[in-house]
Every structure is written in C-alpha cells, then in structure tokens.
PDB file of N, CA and C in Angstrom:
ATOM      1  N   UNK A   1      59.967  92.656  29.770  1.00  0.00           N
ATOM      2  CA  UNK A   1      60.098  92.062  30.703  1.00  0.00           C
ATOM      3  C   UNK A   1      60.695  90.721  30.555  1.00  0.00           C
ATOM      4  N   UNK A   2      61.768  90.886  31.386  1.00  0.00           N
ATOM      5  CA  UNK A   2      62.238  89.185  30.957  1.00  0.00           C
ATOM      6  C   UNK A   2      61.349  88.340  31.492  1.00  0.00           C
ATOM      7  N   UNK A   3      61.430  87.151  30.970  1.00  0.00           N
ATOM      8  CA  UNK A   3      60.891  85.655  31.056  1.00  0.00           C
ATOM      9  C   UNK A   3      61.570  85.191  30.803  1.00  0.00           C
ATOM     10  N   UNK A   4      62.257  83.749  32.056  1.00  0.00           N
ATOM     11  CA  UNK A   4      63.352  82.876  31.472  1.00  0.00           C
ATOM     12  C   UNK A   4      62.429  81.399  31.625  1.00  0.00           C
ATOM     13  N   UNK A   5      62.520  80.477  30.757  1.00  0.00           N
ATOM     14  CA  UNK A   5      62.215  79.173  30.555  1.00  0.00           C
ATOM     15  C   UNK A   5      63.674  78.083  30.280  1.00  0.00           C
ATOM     16  N   UNK A   6      63.586  77.639  32.129  1.00  0.00           N
ATOM     17  CA  UNK A   6      64.472  75.926  31.568  1.00  0.00           C
ATOM     18  C   UNK A   6      63.566  74.793  30.946  1.00  0.00           C
ATOM     19  N   UNK A   7      64.610  73.868  30.434  1.00  0.00           N
ATOM     20  CA  UNK A   7      64.868  72.353  29.915  1.00  0.00           C
ATOM     21  C   UNK A   7      65.619  71.942  29.744  1.00  0.00           C
ATOM     22  N   UNK A   8      65.224  70.796  29.553  1.00  0.00           N
ATOM     23  CA  UNK A   8      66.521  70.152  29.469  1.00  0.00           C
ATOM     24  C   UNK A   8      66.505  68.605  30.720  1.00  0.00           C
ATOM     25  N   UNK A   9      65.334  68.884  32.100  1.00  0.00           N
ATOM     26  CA  UNK A   9      65.752  68.346  33.133  1.00  0.00           C
ATOM     27  C   UNK A   9      65.151  66.432  33.014  1.00  0.00           C
ATOM     28  N   UNK A  10      65.121  65.990  33.768  1.00  0.00           N
ATOM     29  CA  UNK A  10      64.604  64.235  33.038  1.00  0.00           C
ATOM     30  C   UNK A  10      66.094  63.398  34.519  1.00  0.00           C
ATOM     31  N   UNK A  11      65.351  62.138  34.128  1.00  0.00           N
ATOM     32  CA  UNK A  11      65.573  61.002  34.688  1.00  0.00           C
ATOM     33  C   UNK A  11      66.923  60.356  34.535  1.00  0.00           C
ATOM     34  N   UNK A  12      68.440  60.178  34.926  1.00  0.00           N
ATOM     35  CA  UNK A  12      69.310  60.140  34.079  1.00  0.00           C
ATOM     36  C   UNK A  12      69.992  59.045  35.607  1.00  0.00           C
ATOM     37  N   UNK A  13      70.115  58.062  34.650  1.00  0.00           N
ATOM     38  CA  UNK A  13      71.224  57.096  35.916  1.00  0.00           C
ATOM     39  C   UNK A  13      72.527  57.281  36.922  1.00  0.00           C
ATOM     40  N   UNK A  14      72.795  57.496  37.937  1.00  0.00           N
ATOM     41  CA  UNK A  14      74.778  58.133  38.210  1.00  0.00           C
ATOM     42  C   UNK A  14      75.633  57.481  37.198  1.00  0.00           C
ATOM     43  N   UNK A  15      76.516  58.637  37.429  1.00  0.00           N
ATOM     44  CA  UNK A  15      77.059  58.732  36.412  1.00  0.00           C
ATOM     45  C   UNK A  15      76.648  59.542  35.258  1.00  0.00           C
ATOM     46  N   UNK A  16      75.518  59.538  34.796  1.00  0.00           N
ATOM     47  CA  UNK A  16      74.366  59.977  33.305  1.00  0.00           C
ATOM     48  C   UNK A  16      75.501  61.699  33.293  1.00  0.00           C
ATOM     49  N   UNK A  17      74.578  61.703  32.423  1.00  0.00           N
ATOM     50  CA  UNK A  17      74.514  63.173  31.943  1.00  0.00           C
ATOM     51  C   UNK A  17      73.707  64.135  31.436  1.00  0.00           C
ATOM     52  N   UNK A  18      73.663  65.299  31.406  1.00  0.00           N
ATOM     53  CA  UNK A  18      72.416  65.996  31.288  1.00  0.00           C
ATOM     54  C   UNK A  18      72.507  67.140  30.559  1.00  0.00           C
ATOM     55  N   UNK A  19      72.807  67.930  29.836  1.00  0.00           N
ATOM     56  CA  UNK A  19      72.156  69.285  29.775  1.00  0.00           C
ATOM     57  C   UNK A  19      71.137  70.217  29.858  1.00  0.00           C
ATOM     58  N   UNK A  20      71.440  70.878  30.985  1.00  0.00           N
ATOM     59  CA  UNK A  20      69.509  71.926  30.847  1.00  0.00           C
ATOM     60  C   UNK A  20      69.991  73.503  30.007  1.00  0.00           C
ATOM     61  N   UNK A  21      69.316  74.177  29.559  1.00  0.00           N
ATOM     62  CA  UNK A  21      69.434  74.985  28.979  1.00  0.00           C
ATOM     63  C   UNK A  21      67.760  76.050  29.516  1.00  0.00           C
ATOM     64  N   UNK A  22      68.280  77.622  29.557  1.00  0.00           N
ATOM     65  CA  UNK A  22      67.147  78.198  30.116  1.00  0.00           C
ATOM     66  C   UNK A  22      67.200  79.548  28.962  1.00  0.00           C
ATOM     67  N   UNK A  23      66.461  80.107  28.758  1.00  0.00           N
ATOM     68  CA  UNK A  23      66.203  80.254  27.302  1.00  0.00           C
ATOM     69  C   UNK A  23      65.729  82.008  27.482  1.00  0.00           C
ATOM     70  N   UNK A  24      65.373  83.189  26.934  1.00  0.00           N
ATOM     71  CA  UNK A  24      65.589  84.756  27.961  1.00  0.00           C
ATOM     72  C   UNK A  24      64.837  85.482  27.039  1.00  0.00           C
ATOM     73  N   UNK A  25      63.189  85.914  27.484  1.00  0.00           N
ATOM     74  CA  UNK A  25      63.021  86.717  26.306  1.00  0.00           C
ATOM     75  C   UNK A  25      63.116  87.783  27.156  1.00  0.00           C
ATOM     76  N   UNK A  26      62.398  89.153  26.389  1.00  0.00           N
ATOM     77  CA  UNK A  26      62.905  90.714  26.577  1.00  0.00           C
ATOM     78  C   UNK A  26      64.248  90.641  26.149  1.00  0.00           C
ATOM     79  N   UNK A  27      64.347  92.172  26.829  1.00  0.00           N
ATOM     80  CA  UNK A  27      66.012  92.703  26.028  1.00  0.00           C
ATOM     81  C   UNK A  27      67.195  91.599  27.579  1.00  0.00           C
ATOM     82  N   UNK A  28      68.234  91.655  27.121  1.00  0.00           N
ATOM     83  CA  UNK A  28      69.340  91.004  27.943  1.00  0.00           C
ATOM     84  C   UNK A  28      70.543  91.716  28.221  1.00  0.00           C
ATOM     85  N   UNK A  29      70.135  92.930  27.948  1.00  0.00           N
ATOM     86  CA  UNK A  29      71.571  94.052  27.250  1.00  0.00           C
ATOM     87  C   UNK A  29      71.646  94.746  29.074  1.00  0.00           C
ATOM     88  N   UNK A  30      70.938  94.312  30.211  1.00  0.00           N
ATOM     89  CA  UNK A  30      71.313  94.848  31.003  1.00  0.00           C
ATOM     90  C   UNK A  30      71.519  93.105  31.851  1.00  0.00           C
ATOM     91  N   UNK A  31      71.444  92.329  31.197  1.00  0.00           N
ATOM     92  CA  UNK A  31      71.922  91.021  32.527  1.00  0.00           C
ATOM     93  C   UNK A  31      73.382  91.792  33.064  1.00  0.00           C
ATOM     94  N   UNK A  32      74.142  91.535  33.654  1.00  0.00           N
ATOM     95  CA  UNK A  32      74.472  91.276  35.002  1.00  0.00           C
ATOM     96  C   UNK A  32      75.372  89.984  35.278  1.00  0.00           C
ATOM     97  N   UNK A  33      74.842  89.183  35.791  1.00  0.00           N
ATOM     98  CA  UNK A  33      75.070  87.687  36.304  1.00  0.00           C
ATOM     99  C   UNK A  33      74.086  86.608  35.689  1.00  0.00           C
ATOM    100  N   UNK A  34      73.894  85.678  35.757  1.00  0.00           N
ATOM    101  CA  UNK A  34      72.934  84.932  35.304  1.00  0.00           C
ATOM    102  C   UNK A  34      73.882  83.772  36.147  1.00  0.00           C
ATOM    103  N   UNK A  35      72.641  82.605  36.198  1.00  0.00           N
ATOM    104  CA  UNK A  35      73.528  81.235  36.908  1.00  0.00           C
ATOM    105  C   UNK A  35      72.188  80.294  37.530  1.00  0.00           C
ATOM    106  N   UNK A  36      72.761  79.253  38.304  1.00  0.00           N
ATOM    107  CA  UNK A  36      71.687  78.032  38.396  1.00  0.00           C
ATOM    108  C   UNK A  36      71.918  77.755  39.489  1.00  0.00           C
ATOM    109  N   UNK A  37      70.834  77.808  40.322  1.00  0.00           N
ATOM    110  CA  UNK A  37      70.101  76.876  41.759  1.00  0.00           C
ATOM    111  C   UNK A  37      69.567  75.425  41.360  1.00  0.00           C
ATOM    112  N   UNK A  38      69.752  75.072  42.908  1.00  0.00           N
ATOM    113  CA  UNK A  38      68.862  74.126  43.109  1.00  0.00           C
ATOM    114  C   UNK A  38      68.751  74.105  44.402  1.00  0.00           C
ATOM    115  N   UNK A  39      67.477  73.117  44.144  1.00  0.00           N
ATOM    116  CA  UNK A  39      66.855  72.904  45.486  1.00  0.00           C
ATOM    117  C   UNK A  39      66.339  71.826  45.556  1.00  0.00           C
ATOM    118  N   UNK A  40      66.993  70.517  46.797  1.00  0.00           N
ATOM    119  CA  UNK A  40      66.499  69.407  47.053  1.00  0.00           C
ATOM    120  C   UNK A  40      65.405  69.536  47.865  1.00  0.00           C
ATOM    121  N   UNK A  41      64.096  68.363  47.466  1.00  0.00           N
ATOM    122  CA  UNK A  41      63.539  67.935  49.209  1.00  0.00           C
ATOM    123  C   UNK A  41      63.736  68.471  50.751  1.00  0.00           C
ATOM    124  N   UNK A  42      63.138  69.143  50.574  1.00  0.00           N
ATOM    125  CA  UNK A  42      63.212  69.363  52.493  1.00  0.00           C
ATOM    126  C   UNK A  42      64.582  70.454  52.818  1.00  0.00           C
ATOM    127  N   UNK A  43      65.387  70.487  51.401  1.00  0.00           N
ATOM    128  CA  UNK A  43      66.644  71.960  51.617  1.00  0.00           C
ATOM    129  C   UNK A  43      65.917  73.480  51.084  1.00  0.00           C
ATOM    130  N   UNK A  44      67.492  73.597  51.358  1.00  0.00           N
ATOM    131  CA  UNK A  44      66.945  75.223  51.403  1.00  0.00           C
ATOM    132  C   UNK A  44      67.511  75.568  49.858  1.00  0.00           C
ATOM    133  N   UNK A  45      67.457  76.364  49.035  1.00  0.00           N
ATOM    134  CA  UNK A  45      67.910  76.540  47.564  1.00  0.00           C
ATOM    135  C   UNK A  45      69.312  77.330  47.502  1.00  0.00           C
ATOM    136  N   UNK A  46      70.327  76.400  47.165  1.00  0.00           N
ATOM    137  CA  UNK A  46      71.871  76.711  46.552  1.00  0.00           C
ATOM    138  C   UNK A  46      72.208  77.487  45.715  1.00  0.00           C
ATOM    139  N   UNK A  47      73.212  77.811  45.600  1.00  0.00           N
ATOM    140  CA  UNK A  47      73.896  78.441  44.080  1.00  0.00           C
ATOM    141  C   UNK A  47      74.659  77.314  43.762  1.00  0.00           C
ATOM    142  N   UNK A  48      74.344  76.803  42.582  1.00  0.00           N
ATOM    143  CA  UNK A  48      75.704  75.757  42.021  1.00  0.00           C
ATOM    144  C   UNK A  48      76.485  76.327  40.899  1.00  0.00           C
ATOM    145  N   UNK A  49      76.056  77.643  40.611  1.00  0.00           N
ATOM    146  CA  UNK A  49      77.150  77.882  39.044  1.00  0.00           C
ATOM    147  C   UNK A  49      76.433  79.202  38.709  1.00  0.00           C
ATOM    148  N   UNK A  50      77.532  80.172  37.945  1.00  0.00           N
ATOM    149  CA  UNK A  50      77.159  81.430  37.795  1.00  0.00           C
ATOM    150  C   UNK A  50      78.142  81.990  36.593  1.00  0.00           C
ATOM    151  N   UNK A  51      77.731  82.575  35.594  1.00  0.00           N
ATOM    152  CA  UNK A  51      78.304  83.290  34.745  1.00  0.00           C
ATOM    153  C   UNK A  51      78.733  84.550  34.330  1.00  0.00           C
ATOM    154  N   UNK A  52      79.576  85.546  34.039  1.00  0.00           N
ATOM    155  CA  UNK A  52      78.686  87.249  34.366  1.00  0.00           C
ATOM    156  C   UNK A  52      78.350  87.297  32.764  1.00  0.00           C
ATOM    157  N   UNK A  53      77.633  88.283  32.454  1.00  0.00           N
ATOM    158  CA  UNK A  53      77.178  88.261  30.955  1.00  0.00           C
ATOM    159  C   UNK A  53      78.270  88.942  30.169  1.00  0.00           C
ATOM    160  N   UNK A  54      79.118  89.717  30.582  1.00  0.00           N
ATOM    161  CA  UNK A  54      80.301  90.211  30.126  1.00  0.00           C
ATOM    162  C   UNK A  54      81.047  89.684  29.157  1.00  0.00           C
ATOM    163  N   UNK A  55      82.023  88.993  30.283  1.00  0.00           N
ATOM    164  CA  UNK A  55      83.030  87.992  30.934  1.00  0.00           C
ATOM    165  C   UNK A  55      82.938  86.930  30.202  1.00  0.00           C
ATOM    166  N   UNK A  56      81.998  86.228  30.864  1.00  0.00           N
ATOM    167  CA  UNK A  56      82.367  84.615  31.147  1.00  0.00           C
ATOM    168  C   UNK A  56      82.722  84.135  32.136  1.00  0.00           C
ATOM    169  N   UNK A  57      83.039  84.980  33.483  1.00  0.00           N
ATOM    170  CA  UNK A  57      83.412  84.842  34.680  1.00  0.00           C
ATOM    171  C   UNK A  57      83.069  83.771  35.448  1.00  0.00           C
ATOM    172  N   UNK A  58      83.470  82.348  35.620  1.00  0.00           N
ATOM    173  CA  UNK A  58      82.706  81.859  36.097  1.00  0.00           C
ATOM    174  C   UNK A  58      82.381  81.317  37.298  1.00  0.00           C
ATOM    175  N   UNK A  59      81.650  80.781  37.791  1.00  0.00           N
ATOM    176  CA  UNK A  59      81.500  80.557  39.430  1.00  0.00           C
ATOM    177  C   UNK A  59      80.928  79.057  39.912  1.00  0.00           C
ATOM    178  N   UNK A  60      81.392  77.959  40.589  1.00  0.00           N
ATOM    179  CA  UNK A  60      81.225  76.590  40.995  1.00  0.00           C
ATOM    180  C   UNK A  60      81.177  76.755  42.540  1.00  0.00           C
ATOM    181  N   UNK A  61      79.897  75.936  42.747  1.00  0.00           N
ATOM    182  CA  UNK A  61      80.191  75.646  44.189  1.00  0.00           C
ATOM    183  C   UNK A  61      80.769  73.693  43.945  1.00  0.00           C
ATOM    184  N   UNK A  62      81.761  74.047  45.365  1.00  0.00           N
ATOM    185  CA  UNK A  62      82.308  72.991  45.302  1.00  0.00           C
ATOM    186  C   UNK A  62      81.892  71.973  45.001  1.00  0.00           C
ATOM    187  N   UNK A  63      81.159  71.516  45.756  1.00  0.00           N
ATOM    188  CA  UNK A  63      79.871  70.176  45.046  1.00  0.00           C
ATOM    189  C   UNK A  63      79.572  69.826  43.996  1.00  0.00           C
ATOM    190  N   UNK A  64      79.609  70.688  42.865  1.00  0.00           N
ATOM    191  CA  UNK A  64      80.333  70.234  41.392  1.00  0.00           C
ATOM    192  C   UNK A  64      80.949  70.880  40.617  1.00  0.00           C
ATOM    193  N   UNK A  65      82.125  70.677  41.139  1.00  0.00           N
ATOM    194  CA  UNK A  65      83.245  71.773  40.184  1.00  0.00           C
ATOM    195  C   UNK A  65      83.747  70.828  39.891  1.00  0.00           C
ATOM    196  N   UNK A  66      84.695  70.722  38.475  1.00  0.00           N
ATOM    197  CA  UNK A  66      84.671  69.943  37.850  1.00  0.00           C
ATOM    198  C   UNK A  66      83.450  68.530  37.404  1.00  0.00           C
ATOM    199  N   UNK A  67      82.296  68.896  37.028  1.00  0.00           N
ATOM    200  CA  UNK A  67      81.427  67.745  36.581  1.00  0.00           C
ATOM    201  C   UNK A  67      80.207  68.330  36.177  1.00  0.00           C
ATOM    202  N   UNK A  68      80.328  69.816  36.889  1.00  0.00           N
ATOM    203  CA  UNK A  68      79.225  71.295  35.670  1.00  0.00           C
ATOM    204  C   UNK A  68      79.960  71.854  35.085  1.00  0.00           C
ATOM    205  N   UNK A  69      80.011  72.620  33.859  1.00  0.00           N
ATOM    206  CA  UNK A  69      80.025  73.343  32.818  1.00  0.00           C
ATOM    207  C   UNK A  69      78.573  74.481  32.998  1.00  0.00           C
ATOM    208  N   UNK A  70      78.674  75.776  33.384  1.00  0.00           N
ATOM    209  CA  UNK A  70      78.625  76.703  32.683  1.00  0.00           C
ATOM    210  C   UNK A  70      78.467  77.241  31.980  1.00  0.00           C
ATOM    211  N   UNK A  71      77.563  77.539  30.579  1.00  0.00           N
ATOM    212  CA  UNK A  71      78.341  78.452  29.578  1.00  0.00           C
ATOM    213  C   UNK A  71      76.877  79.608  28.882  1.00  0.00           C
ATOM    214  N   UNK A  72      76.984  80.381  28.430  1.00  0.00           N
ATOM    215  CA  UNK A  72      75.914  81.487  27.836  1.00  0.00           C
ATOM    216  C   UNK A  72      76.283  81.023  26.454  1.00  0.00           C
ATOM    217  N   UNK A  73      75.400  81.839  25.568  1.00  0.00           N
ATOM    218  CA  UNK A  73      74.894  82.466  23.955  1.00  0.00           C
ATOM    219  C   UNK A  73      74.653  83.107  24.183  1.00  0.00           C
ATOM    220  N   UNK A  74      74.906  84.440  23.811  1.00  0.00           N
ATOM    221  CA  UNK A  74      74.343  85.488  23.626  1.00  0.00           C
ATOM    222  C   UNK A  74      73.340  86.035  22.934  1.00  0.00           C
ATOM    223  N   UNK A  75      73.735  85.498  21.654  1.00  0.00           N
ATOM    224  CA  UNK A  75      73.099  85.731  20.318  1.00  0.00           C
ATOM    225  C   UNK A  75      71.674  85.018  20.767  1.00  0.00           C
ATOM    226  N   UNK A  76      71.574  83.719  21.064  1.00  0.00           N
ATOM    227  CA  UNK A  76      70.962  82.871  21.478  1.00  0.00           C
ATOM    228  C   UNK A  76      69.416  83.485  22.800  1.00  0.00           C
ATOM    229  N   UNK A  77      70.534  84.132  23.653  1.00  0.00           N
ATOM    230  CA  UNK A  77      69.747  84.462  24.653  1.00  0.00           C
ATOM    231  C   UNK A  77      69.635  83.164  25.688  1.00  0.00           C
ATOM    232  N   UNK A  78      70.083  82.650  25.626  1.00  0.00           N
ATOM    233  CA  UNK A  78      70.523  81.337  25.750  1.00  0.00           C
ATOM    234  C   UNK A  78      71.589  80.698  27.280  1.00  0.00           C
ATOM    235  N   UNK A  79      71.229  80.648  27.981  1.00  0.00           N
ATOM    236  CA  UNK A  79      72.577  80.074  29.076  1.00  0.00           C
ATOM    237  C   UNK A  79      72.006  78.672  29.170  1.00  0.00           C
ATOM    238  N   UNK A  80      73.389  77.443  29.701  1.00  0.00           N
ATOM    239  CA  UNK A  80      73.349  76.468  29.194  1.00  0.00           C
ATOM    240  C   UNK A  80      74.188  75.731  30.680  1.00  0.00           C
ATOM    241  N   UNK A  81      73.256  74.438  31.645  1.00  0.00           N
ATOM    242  CA  UNK A  81      75.011  73.840  32.092  1.00  0.00           C
ATOM    243  C   UNK A  81      74.995  71.886  32.109  1.00  0.00           C
ATOM    244  N   UNK A  82      75.922  72.434  31.549  1.00  0.00           N
ATOM    245  CA  UNK A  82      76.490  70.412  31.550  1.00  0.00           C
ATOM    246  C   UNK A  82      76.443  69.816  32.665  1.00  0.00           C
ATOM    247  N   UNK A  83      75.983  69.013  32.925  1.00  0.00           N
ATOM    248  CA  UNK A  83      76.421  68.287  34.096  1.00  0.00           C
ATOM    249  C   UNK A  83      76.448  66.355  34.216  1.00  0.00           C
ATOM    250  N   UNK A  84      78.216  66.318  34.193  1.00  0.00           N
ATOM    251  CA  UNK A  84      78.260  65.086  33.985  1.00  0.00           C
ATOM    252  C   UNK A  84      78.558  64.640  34.966  1.00  0.00           C
ATOM    253  N   UNK A  85      78.568  63.004  35.013  1.00  0.00           N
ATOM    254  CA  UNK A  85      79.333  62.394  36.383  1.00  0.00           C
ATOM    255  C   UNK A  85      78.441  62.994  37.055  1.00  0.00           C
ATOM    256  N   UNK A  86      76.778  62.583  37.231  1.00  0.00           N
ATOM    257  CA  UNK A  86      75.779  63.142  37.571  1.00  0.00           C
ATOM    258  C   UNK A  86      76.201  61.971  39.466  1.00  0.00           C
ATOM    259  N   UNK A  87      75.439  62.482  40.755  1.00  0.00           N
ATOM    260  CA  UNK A  87      75.155  61.863  41.256  1.00  0.00           C
ATOM    261  C   UNK A  87      73.500  61.801  41.771  1.00  0.00           C
ATOM    262  N   UNK A  88      73.125  60.401  43.118  1.00  0.00           N
ATOM    263  CA  UNK A  88      72.129  61.262  43.198  1.00  0.00           C
ATOM    264  C   UNK A  88      71.711  61.953  43.905  1.00  0.00           C
ATOM    265  N   UNK A  89      72.633  62.450  45.084  1.00  0.00           N
ATOM    266  CA  UNK A  89      73.125  64.004  45.899  1.00  0.00           C
ATOM    267  C   UNK A  89      72.654  64.984  44.522  1.00  0.00           C
ATOM    268  N   UNK A  90      72.576  65.091  43.593  1.00  0.00           N
ATOM    269  CA  UNK A  90      72.026  65.693  42.418  1.00  0.00           C
ATOM    270  C   UNK A  90      70.844  65.281  41.879  1.00  0.00           C
ATOM    271  N   UNK A  91      70.107  65.867  42.597  1.00  0.00           N
ATOM    272  CA  UNK A  91      68.687  65.401  42.556  1.00  0.00           C
ATOM    273  C   UNK A  91      68.373  66.548  43.171  1.00  0.00           C
ATOM    274  N   UNK A  92      67.021  67.299  42.492  1.00  0.00           N
ATOM    275  CA  UNK A  92      66.655  68.734  42.901  1.00  0.00           C
ATOM    276  C   UNK A  92      66.052  69.033  41.538  1.00  0.00           C
ATOM    277  N   UNK A  93      65.397  70.235  41.966  1.00  0.00           N
ATOM    278  CA  UNK A  93      64.440  70.833  40.794  1.00  0.00           C
ATOM    279  C   UNK A  93      65.732  72.086  40.522  1.00  0.00           C
ATOM    280  N   UNK A  94      66.198  72.691  39.408  1.00  0.00           N
ATOM    281  CA  UNK A  94      67.352  73.472  38.956  1.00  0.00           C
ATOM    282  C   UNK A  94      66.087  73.944  38.448  1.00  0.00           C
ATOM    283  N   UNK A  95      66.646  75.658  39.140  1.00  0.00           N
ATOM    284  CA  UNK A  95      66.609  77.086  38.637  1.00  0.00           C
ATOM    285  C   UNK A  95      67.492  78.294  37.767  1.00  0.00           C
ATOM    286  N   UNK A  96      66.588  78.457  37.164  1.00  0.00           N
ATOM    287  CA  UNK A  96      67.634  79.253  35.835  1.00  0.00           C
ATOM    288  C   UNK A  96      67.239  81.145  36.482  1.00  0.00           C
ATOM    289  N   UNK A  97      68.446  81.650  37.192  1.00  0.00           N
ATOM    290  CA  UNK A  97      69.016  82.802  37.441  1.00  0.00           C
ATOM    291  C   UNK A  97      68.753  83.940  36.878  1.00  0.00           C
ATOM    292  N   UNK A  98      68.820  85.436  36.755  1.00  0.00           N
ATOM    293  CA  UNK A  98      69.629  86.364  36.074  1.00  0.00           C
ATOM    294  C   UNK A  98      69.473  87.581  36.791  1.00  0.00           C
ATOM    295  N   UNK A  99      70.423  88.374  37.494  1.00  0.00           N
ATOM    296  CA  UNK A  99      70.173  89.265  38.066  1.00  0.00           C
ATOM    297  C   UNK A  99      71.210  91.255  37.306  1.00  0.00           C
ATOM    298  N   UNK A 100      70.310  92.157  37.050  1.00  0.00           N
ATOM    299  CA  UNK A 100      70.956  92.840  36.174  1.00  0.00           C
ATOM    300  C   UNK A 100      71.444  93.815  37.025  1.00  0.00           C
ATOM    301  N   UNK A 101      71.666  94.890  36.229  1.00  0.00           N
ATOM    302  CA  UNK A 101      72.579  95.843  36.704  1.00  0.00           C
ATOM    303  C   UNK A 101      72.165  96.930  37.596  1.00  0.00           C
ATOM    304  N   UNK A 102      70.783  96.878  37.619  1.00  0.00           N
ATOM    305  CA  UNK A 102      69.762  97.252  38.323  1.00  0.00           C
ATOM    306  C   UNK A 102      69.587  96.375  39.326  1.00  0.00           C
ATOM    307  N   UNK A 103      70.006  95.656  39.789  1.00  0.00           N
ATOM    308  CA  UNK A 103      70.108  94.477  41.365  1.00  0.00           C
ATOM    309  C   UNK A 103      68.921  93.902  40.949  1.00  0.00           C
ATOM    310  N   UNK A 104      67.480  94.081  39.656  1.00  0.00           N
ATOM    311  CA  UNK A 104      66.663  92.986  39.504  1.00  0.00           C
ATOM    312  C   UNK A 104      67.339  91.496  39.218  1.00  0.00           C
ATOM    313  N   UNK A 105      66.092  90.794  40.264  1.00  0.00           N
ATOM    314  CA  UNK A 105      65.824  89.098  39.492  1.00  0.00           C
ATOM    315  C   UNK A 105      65.034  88.528  39.034  1.00  0.00           C
ATOM    316  N   UNK A 106      65.279  88.145  38.253  1.00  0.00           N
ATOM    317  CA  UNK A 106      64.906  86.783  37.463  1.00  0.00           C
ATOM    318  C   UNK A 106      64.440  85.484  37.521  1.00  0.00           C
ATOM    319  N   UNK A 107      63.428  85.071  37.668  1.00  0.00           N
ATOM    320  CA  UNK A 107      63.851  83.335  37.641  1.00  0.00           C
ATOM    321  C   UNK A 107      63.081  82.668  37.160  1.00  0.00           C
ATOM    322  N   UNK A 108      63.645  81.826  36.672  1.00  0.00           N
ATOM    323  CA  UNK A 108      62.212  80.125  36.224  1.00  0.00           C
ATOM    324  C   UNK A 108      61.359  79.760  36.563  1.00  0.00           C
ATOM    325  N   UNK A 109      61.021  79.140  35.699  1.00  0.00           N
ATOM    326  CA  UNK A 109      59.566  78.143  36.326  1.00  0.00           C
ATOM    327  C   UNK A 109      60.578  76.830  37.503  1.00  0.00           C
ATOM    328  N   UNK A 110      61.647  75.821  37.217  1.00  0.00           N
ATOM    329  CA  UNK A 110      62.575  75.052  37.579  1.00  0.00           C
ATOM    330  C   UNK A 110      61.950  74.222  36.188  1.00  0.00           C
ATOM    331  N   UNK A 111      63.576  73.425  36.134  1.00  0.00           N
ATOM    332  CA  UNK A 111      62.857  71.967  35.950  1.00  0.00           C
ATOM    333  C   UNK A 111      63.797  70.733  36.881  1.00  0.00           C
ATOM    334  N   UNK A 112      62.927  69.473  36.604  1.00  0.00           N
ATOM    335  CA  UNK A 112      63.563  68.750  37.743  1.00  0.00           C
ATOM    336  C   UNK A 112      64.611  67.899  37.250  1.00  0.00           C
ATOM    337  N   UNK A 113      65.554  67.474  38.513  1.00  0.00           N
ATOM    338  CA  UNK A 113      66.220  66.862  37.831  1.00  0.00           C
ATOM    339  C   UNK A 113      66.835  65.705  38.154  1.00  0.00           C
ATOM    340  N   UNK A 114      66.602  64.081  38.443  1.00  0.00           N
ATOM    341  CA  UNK A 114      66.017  63.423  39.142  1.00  0.00           C
ATOM    342  C   UNK A 114      67.825  62.576  38.696  1.00  0.00           C
ATOM    343  N   UNK A 115      68.661  61.759  39.664  1.00  0.00           N
ATOM    344  CA  UNK A 115      69.557  60.905  39.447  1.00  0.00           C
ATOM    345  C   UNK A 115      69.148  59.341  40.106  1.00  0.00           C
ATOM    346  N   UNK A 116      68.893  58.851  39.441  1.00  0.00           N
ATOM    347  CA  UNK A 116      68.660  57.501  40.526  1.00  0.00           C
ATOM    348  C   UNK A 116      68.448  56.341  39.654  1.00  0.00           C
ATOM    349  N   UNK A 117      69.293  55.194  40.088  1.00  0.00           N
ATOM    350  CA  UNK A 117      68.907  53.861  39.025  1.00  0.00           C
ATOM    351  C   UNK A 117      68.032  52.807  39.211  1.00  0.00           C
TER     352      UNK A 117
END
C-alpha cells in the first residue's frame, strides 16, 4: 500500500521561497505520474505541476510557470516542489498526488502554505 507524506509548508513573506517534499512509502515501481495540487479556502482543488516517473516530463499551471519547479528523486522515493517568488495568491493547502499505471490515485494529507506579510 502506497502512502504519501508531505512536509515543508509554512508561513513565508511575499517574494520568499519554500520547498515542499512528498515522501512515498511502499512500492513505487508502478508510479506513472506524480504531481502537486493545491486548494485555497472556498476554491476547488487545482493542479499545480506534474512530473512523469520515468522520463521526468514536466507540466506547470500557467499561474506558477517560471516560479515553481517540480522534481523527484526515485532512489529516495521523494518528490519536491521548489516554490520561489511566492505570492499571497499561492496560499493554499498543497497536496501530493500519484497515479499509477493501473490508474489508482494516491493522495497525501496536505501541507499548509501561507504567503503573508
């Protein structure tokens, strides 16, 4: 059974940086696409960025392109989201997500990111 645990959230001032981590337990050999979603209060969960497990092909939402970088370390079974030039509108709970080749979805519990002065 795959479990995902996020870490690295917190409070940061506008223009600051944070790095989120998502650590996976269990077998990762069936992982297909890994990604980060976020959900702000009163809004729907939205896709932030994805990375494929095999080829590291990336996708970014327009709102974070050029500021956020997704990466993964398969040996450590960990995915990262480097967030730079943070804005108040980036405030949300960030969730780690994995879809495997069987189309099973796995979610982390979420980590809060608050951008405020």
